Amino acid sequence: MNTNNNKPNNFSVVPAAVLLNDTITDKAKILYSEISALCNKKGCCWATNDYFEKLYECSKITVIRAINALKENGYIKVIRKNRQRIIQLAALKEKGSTFSVIPAAVRYDNTLTDKAKILYGELTTCSNIYGYCTVDNKYLSEVCEISNRRVEQCLNLLETKGYIAIDTTESQRQLYLLVA
């Protein structure tokens, strides 16, 4: 599936501006995550629509729309050279932006919804130096633009799959990241 030029890193870095943009689809955010991982090696990637379709089990039109949305929002640049598409991450104008990290294990798990992957990324943003965060469902619901019930479902799925551990004490809930 990957060529040597297109072998991604085990993690991707996604700026908050992308992850929290409510004008692009969750699939576009996950594709940005993959593009970010592919660009980590050489600063650009040569991934085809077919590569993204197979990797994320979606249609060609979904990939095309996602890439167009990322271009239109200024998150990527697409260059055509000798009938080949080259994708580069665009320099974001925001200074001091926060970033989320989405590990390959989470990105490539097609049993997870895109929303669960994005929620995992938000947990990485909120985590402290000890590898856990204490955000509540209300915060996650607002940031990820989903219901409290959906947050709970995503957290339970992430916990069941072994990506997070949830430790609840009398005073607070701690969400531990188990995959990095």
Protein backbone atom coordinates (compact mmCIF):
# COMPACT_ATOMS: atom_id res chain seq x y z
CA MET A 1 0.00 0.00 0.00
CA ASN A 2 2.83 2.42 0.81
CA THR A 3 5.85 3.05 -1.33
CA ASN A 4 9.13 4.16 0.21
CA ASN A 5 8.29 7.75 -0.74
CA ASN A 6 4.93 7.46 0.94
CA LYS A 7 5.66 5.60 4.18
CA PRO A 8 4.07 7.62 6.99
CA ASN A 9 5.38 8.24 10.48
CA ASN A 10 3.71 6.49 13.38
CA PHE A 11 2.00 9.72 14.38
CA SER A 12 0.56 12.82 12.81
CA VAL A 13 0.34 16.35 14.11
CA VAL A 14 -2.90 18.22 13.50
CA PRO A 15 -3.25 21.92 14.32
CA ALA A 16 -6.26 22.89 16.40
CA ALA A 17 -7.33 25.17 13.55
CA VAL A 18 -7.90 22.09 11.40
CA LEU A 19 -9.25 19.76 14.08
CA LEU A 20 -11.80 22.29 15.34
CA ASN A 21 -12.87 23.71 11.97
CA ASP A 22 -16.60 23.08 11.71
CA THR A 23 -16.73 23.89 7.99
CA ILE A 24 -14.84 20.76 6.94
CA THR A 25 -15.88 17.15 7.37
CA ASP A 26 -14.42 14.74 9.88
CA LYS A 27 -13.05 12.71 6.95
CA ALA A 28 -11.16 15.82 5.72
CA LYS A 29 -9.63 16.19 9.19
CA ILE A 30 -8.54 12.55 9.21
CA LEU A 31 -7.11 12.91 5.68
CA TYR A 32 -5.18 15.98 6.88
CA SER A 33 -3.83 13.80 9.67
CA GLU A 34 -2.62 11.21 7.16
CA ILE A 35 -1.14 13.87 4.86
CA SER A 36 0.68 15.32 7.88
CA ALA A 37 2.18 11.92 8.70
CA LEU A 38 3.22 11.35 5.07
CA CYS A 39 4.77 14.82 4.85
CA ASN A 40 6.86 14.30 8.00
CA LYS A 41 9.50 12.40 6.03
CA LYS A 42 10.15 14.68 3.03
CA GLY A 43 7.94 17.72 3.50
CA CYS A 44 5.41 16.58 0.92
CA CYS A 45 3.57 13.46 -0.14
CA TRP A 46 2.56 11.75 -3.36
CA ALA A 47 -0.42 9.78 -2.06
CA THR A 48 -3.10 9.09 -4.63
CA ASN A 49 -6.85 9.22 -4.17
CA ASP A 50 -6.80 5.42 -4.47
CA TYR A 51 -4.39 5.21 -1.52
CA PHE A 52 -6.73 7.29 0.68
CA GLU A 53 -9.83 5.41 -0.53
CA LYS A 54 -8.39 2.02 0.41
CA LEU A 55 -6.82 3.18 3.65
CA TYR A 56 -9.96 4.83 5.01
CA GLU A 57 -12.55 2.69 3.21
CA CYS A 58 -14.34 5.58 1.57
CA SER A 59 -15.32 6.61 -1.96
CA LYS A 60 -13.22 8.54 -4.46
CA ILE A 61 -15.67 11.46 -4.33
CA THR A 62 -15.28 11.61 -0.53
CA VAL A 63 -11.49 11.85 -0.93
CA ILE A 64 -11.76 14.49 -3.67
CA ARG A 65 -14.17 16.60 -1.61
CA ALA A 66 -11.97 16.31 1.48
CA ILE A 67 -8.82 17.34 -0.41
CA ASN A 68 -10.67 20.25 -2.05
CA ALA A 69 -11.97 21.41 1.35
CA LEU A 70 -8.45 21.30 2.79
CA LYS A 71 -7.16 23.32 -0.19
CA GLU A 72 -10.01 25.85 0.00
CA ASN A 73 -9.35 26.39 3.71
CA GLY A 74 -5.64 26.94 3.05
CA TYR A 75 -4.45 23.87 4.98
CA ILE A 76 -2.70 22.14 2.06
CA LYS A 77 -1.19 23.07 -1.28
CA VAL A 78 -1.55 20.78 -4.28
CA ILE A 79 1.09 20.96 -6.99
CA ARG A 80 0.93 19.12 -10.30
CA LYS A 81 4.29 18.09 -11.72
CA ASN A 82 4.76 15.72 -14.65
CA ARG A 83 1.19 14.39 -14.29
CA GLN A 84 1.80 13.63 -10.62
CA ARG A 85 0.09 15.28 -7.66
CA ILE A 86 2.28 16.53 -4.83
CA ILE A 87 0.62 17.59 -1.60
CA GLN A 88 2.30 19.95 0.86
CA LEU A 89 1.10 21.24 4.19
CA ALA A 90 0.48 24.97 4.01
CA ALA A 91 2.02 27.26 6.59
CA LEU A 92 -0.78 28.26 8.93
CA LYS A 93 -1.14 31.94 9.71
CA GLU A 94 -2.00 31.39 13.37
CA LYS A 95 0.93 31.77 15.73
CA GLY A 96 1.09 29.81 18.97
CA SER A 97 -1.55 27.35 17.82
CA THR A 98 -2.03 24.15 19.76
CA PHE A 99 -1.66 20.78 18.11
CA SER A 100 -3.16 17.35 18.50
CA VAL A 101 -1.32 14.10 17.92
CA ILE A 102 -3.09 11.14 16.36
CA PRO A 103 -1.04 7.92 16.41
CA ALA A 104 -1.09 5.57 13.41
CA ALA A 105 -2.84 2.86 15.42
CA VAL A 106 -5.78 5.20 16.00
CA ARG A 107 -5.71 6.71 12.48
CA TYR A 108 -5.76 3.32 10.75
CA ASP A 109 -8.38 1.66 12.95
CA ASN A 110 -11.40 1.59 10.65
CA THR A 111 -13.58 0.27 13.46
CA LEU A 112 -13.32 3.73 15.03
CA THR A 113 -15.49 6.52 13.74
CA ASP A 114 -13.79 9.65 12.43
CA LYS A 115 -15.33 11.50 15.39
CA ALA A 116 -13.68 9.07 17.86
CA LYS A 117 -10.31 9.65 16.15
CA ILE A 118 -10.78 13.42 16.39
CA LEU A 119 -11.83 13.12 20.03
CA TYR A 120 -8.64 11.13 20.71
CA GLY A 121 -6.67 13.97 19.10
CA GLU A 122 -8.38 16.47 21.38
CA LEU A 123 -7.47 14.33 24.40
CA THR A 124 -3.80 14.57 23.37
CA THR A 125 -4.12 18.36 23.28
CA CYS A 126 -5.58 18.44 26.78
CA SER A 127 -3.23 15.90 28.35
CA ASN A 128 -0.69 16.93 30.95
CA ILE A 129 2.91 15.78 31.34
CA TYR A 130 1.69 12.68 33.18
CA GLY A 131 -0.22 11.43 30.13
CA TYR A 132 -3.77 12.07 31.26
CA CYS A 133 -6.39 14.78 31.10
CA THR A 134 -9.35 15.64 33.26
CA VAL A 135 -11.68 17.32 30.76
CA ASP A 136 -15.37 16.65 31.18
CA ASN A 137 -17.90 15.51 28.61
CA LYS A 138 -19.39 18.99 28.34
CA TYR A 139 -16.05 20.42 27.18
CA LEU A 140 -15.49 17.54 24.72
CA SER A 141 -19.06 17.89 23.47
CA GLU A 142 -18.57 21.60 22.74
CA VAL A 143 -15.13 21.28 21.18
CA CYS A 144 -15.95 18.24 19.04
CA GLU A 145 -19.49 19.45 18.31
CA ILE A 146 -21.23 16.26 19.37
CA SER A 147 -23.73 15.36 22.08
CA ASN A 148 -22.68 14.31 25.57
CA ARG A 149 -24.08 10.87 24.78
CA ARG A 150 -21.89 10.63 21.64
CA VAL A 151 -18.84 11.71 23.67
CA GLU A 152 -19.56 8.90 26.12
CA GLN A 153 -19.91 6.41 23.25
CA CYS A 154 -16.61 7.52 21.69
CA LEU A 155 -14.79 7.35 25.04
CA ASN A 156 -16.19 3.89 25.72
CA LEU A 157 -15.13 2.70 22.27
CA LEU A 158 -11.63 4.16 22.70
CA GLU A 159 -11.38 2.46 26.10
CA THR A 160 -12.68 -0.88 24.79
CA LYS A 161 -10.14 -0.78 21.94
CA GLY A 162 -7.32 -0.08 24.43
CA TYR A 163 -6.47 3.44 23.27
CA ILE A 164 -7.40 5.11 26.57
CA ALA A 165 -8.01 4.13 30.17
CA ILE A 166 -10.61 5.88 32.28
CA ASP A 167 -9.96 6.20 36.00
CA THR A 168 -12.77 7.74 37.99
CA THR A 169 -12.19 8.87 41.55
CA GLU A 170 -14.61 10.65 43.86
CA SER A 171 -13.41 14.08 42.78
CA GLN A 172 -12.62 13.72 39.06
CA ARG A 173 -12.24 11.51 36.00
CA GLN A 174 -8.78 10.96 34.53
CA LEU A 175 -8.45 9.94 30.90
CA TYR A 176 -5.12 8.20 30.25
CA LEU A 177 -3.69 7.94 26.75
CA LEU A 178 -2.38 4.42 26.18
CA VAL A 179 -1.20 4.78 22.57
CA ALA A 180 1.43 7.32 21.61
